[in-house]
Amino acid sequence: MTTSLKKIISYILIVLVLLFTVIALLGIWDVIELEDIVRKMFVSLMVIFAASAVILFIFAVLIKENEHKKQDITS
C-alpha cells in the first residue's frame, strides 16, 4: 500500500474516532439521547469493520497474488 493511501485512511479513522468521542461526550452530559445513537454507532462500526476486512482480504490475497505472477513472468 502506498504511504499516501495509508495517510488518508489514518486521517479518516482519526476523524471517526473524534466524531464518536464528541457524540459520546454529548450523551454523557445529557445534551442528546444516547440509546438510539449508540446502537447506530455500533452498527456503523460493524459495517466499517466488515468493509475493512473485505478490503484487507482483497489487498492481501488478490493483489499480492497478481504481483507474484508479474514477478514470475519478468524473471
Protein backbone atom coordinates (compact mmCIF):
# COMPACT_ATOMS: atom_id res chain seq x y z
CA MET A 1 0.00 0.00 0.00
CA THR A 2 1.33 3.43 -0.78
CA THR A 3 2.12 5.85 2.00
CA SER A 4 -0.36 8.44 0.72
CA LEU A 5 -3.19 5.90 0.91
CA LYS A 6 -2.12 4.95 4.43
CA LYS A 7 -2.17 8.61 5.46
CA ILE A 8 -5.63 9.15 4.00
CA ILE A 9 -7.02 6.09 5.78
CA SER A 10 -5.35 7.18 9.02
CA TYR A 11 -6.94 10.63 8.83
CA ILE A 12 -10.36 9.14 8.12
CA LEU A 13 -10.05 6.86 11.15
CA ILE A 14 -8.95 9.79 13.32
CA VAL A 15 -11.98 11.79 12.22
CA LEU A 16 -14.27 8.85 13.01
CA VAL A 17 -12.77 8.45 16.49
CA LEU A 18 -13.16 12.17 17.19
CA LEU A 19 -16.75 12.14 15.92
CA PHE A 20 -17.71 9.18 18.11
CA THR A 21 -15.95 10.78 21.09
CA VAL A 22 -17.90 14.03 20.69
CA ILE A 23 -21.18 12.12 20.38
CA ALA A 24 -20.35 10.08 23.49
CA LEU A 25 -19.49 13.22 25.48
CA LEU A 26 -22.71 14.91 24.42
CA GLY A 27 -24.60 11.84 25.57
CA ILE A 28 -22.80 11.74 28.91
CA TRP A 29 -23.75 15.36 29.56
CA ASP A 30 -27.38 14.62 28.52
CA VAL A 31 -27.28 17.04 25.61
CA ILE A 32 -28.51 14.27 23.28
CA GLU A 33 -30.29 10.95 23.81
CA LEU A 34 -27.75 8.15 23.58
CA GLU A 35 -29.81 4.97 23.35
CA ASP A 36 -30.64 5.24 19.67
CA ILE A 37 -27.34 6.87 18.74
CA VAL A 38 -25.19 4.23 20.48
CA ARG A 39 -26.99 1.47 18.60
CA LYS A 40 -26.41 3.28 15.30
CA MET A 41 -22.76 3.92 16.19
CA PHE A 42 -22.11 0.24 16.89
CA VAL A 43 -23.88 -0.84 13.72
CA SER A 44 -21.84 1.72 11.77
CA LEU A 45 -18.63 0.43 13.32
CA MET A 46 -19.58 -3.15 12.43
CA VAL A 47 -20.18 -2.10 8.81
CA ILE A 48 -16.81 -0.30 8.73
CA PHE A 49 -15.13 -3.37 10.26
CA ALA A 50 -16.71 -5.72 7.71
CA ALA A 51 -15.75 -3.46 4.81
CA SER A 52 -12.20 -3.19 6.14
CA ALA A 53 -11.93 -6.97 6.40
CA VAL A 54 -13.04 -7.38 2.79
CA ILE A 55 -10.61 -4.71 1.59
CA LEU A 56 -7.78 -6.30 3.58
CA PHE A 57 -8.59 -9.67 2.02
CA ILE A 58 -8.53 -8.16 -1.45
CA PHE A 59 -5.18 -6.45 -0.85
CA ALA A 60 -3.59 -9.42 0.93
CA VAL A 61 -4.71 -12.21 -1.37
CA LEU A 62 -5.73 -10.99 -4.78
CA ILE A 63 -3.42 -8.04 -5.38
CA LYS A 64 -0.42 -9.76 -3.79
CA GLU A 65 -1.09 -12.82 -5.95
CA ASN A 66 -1.09 -10.65 -9.08
CA GLU A 67 2.23 -9.07 -8.05
CA HIS A 68 3.82 -12.52 -7.64
CA LYS A 69 2.60 -13.56 -11.11
CA LYS A 70 4.10 -10.39 -12.63
CA GLN A 71 7.44 -11.09 -10.91
CA ASP A 72 7.43 -14.69 -12.18
CA ILE A 73 6.73 -13.54 -15.74
CA THR A 74 9.51 -10.93 -15.73
CA SER A 75 12.12 -13.27 -14.23
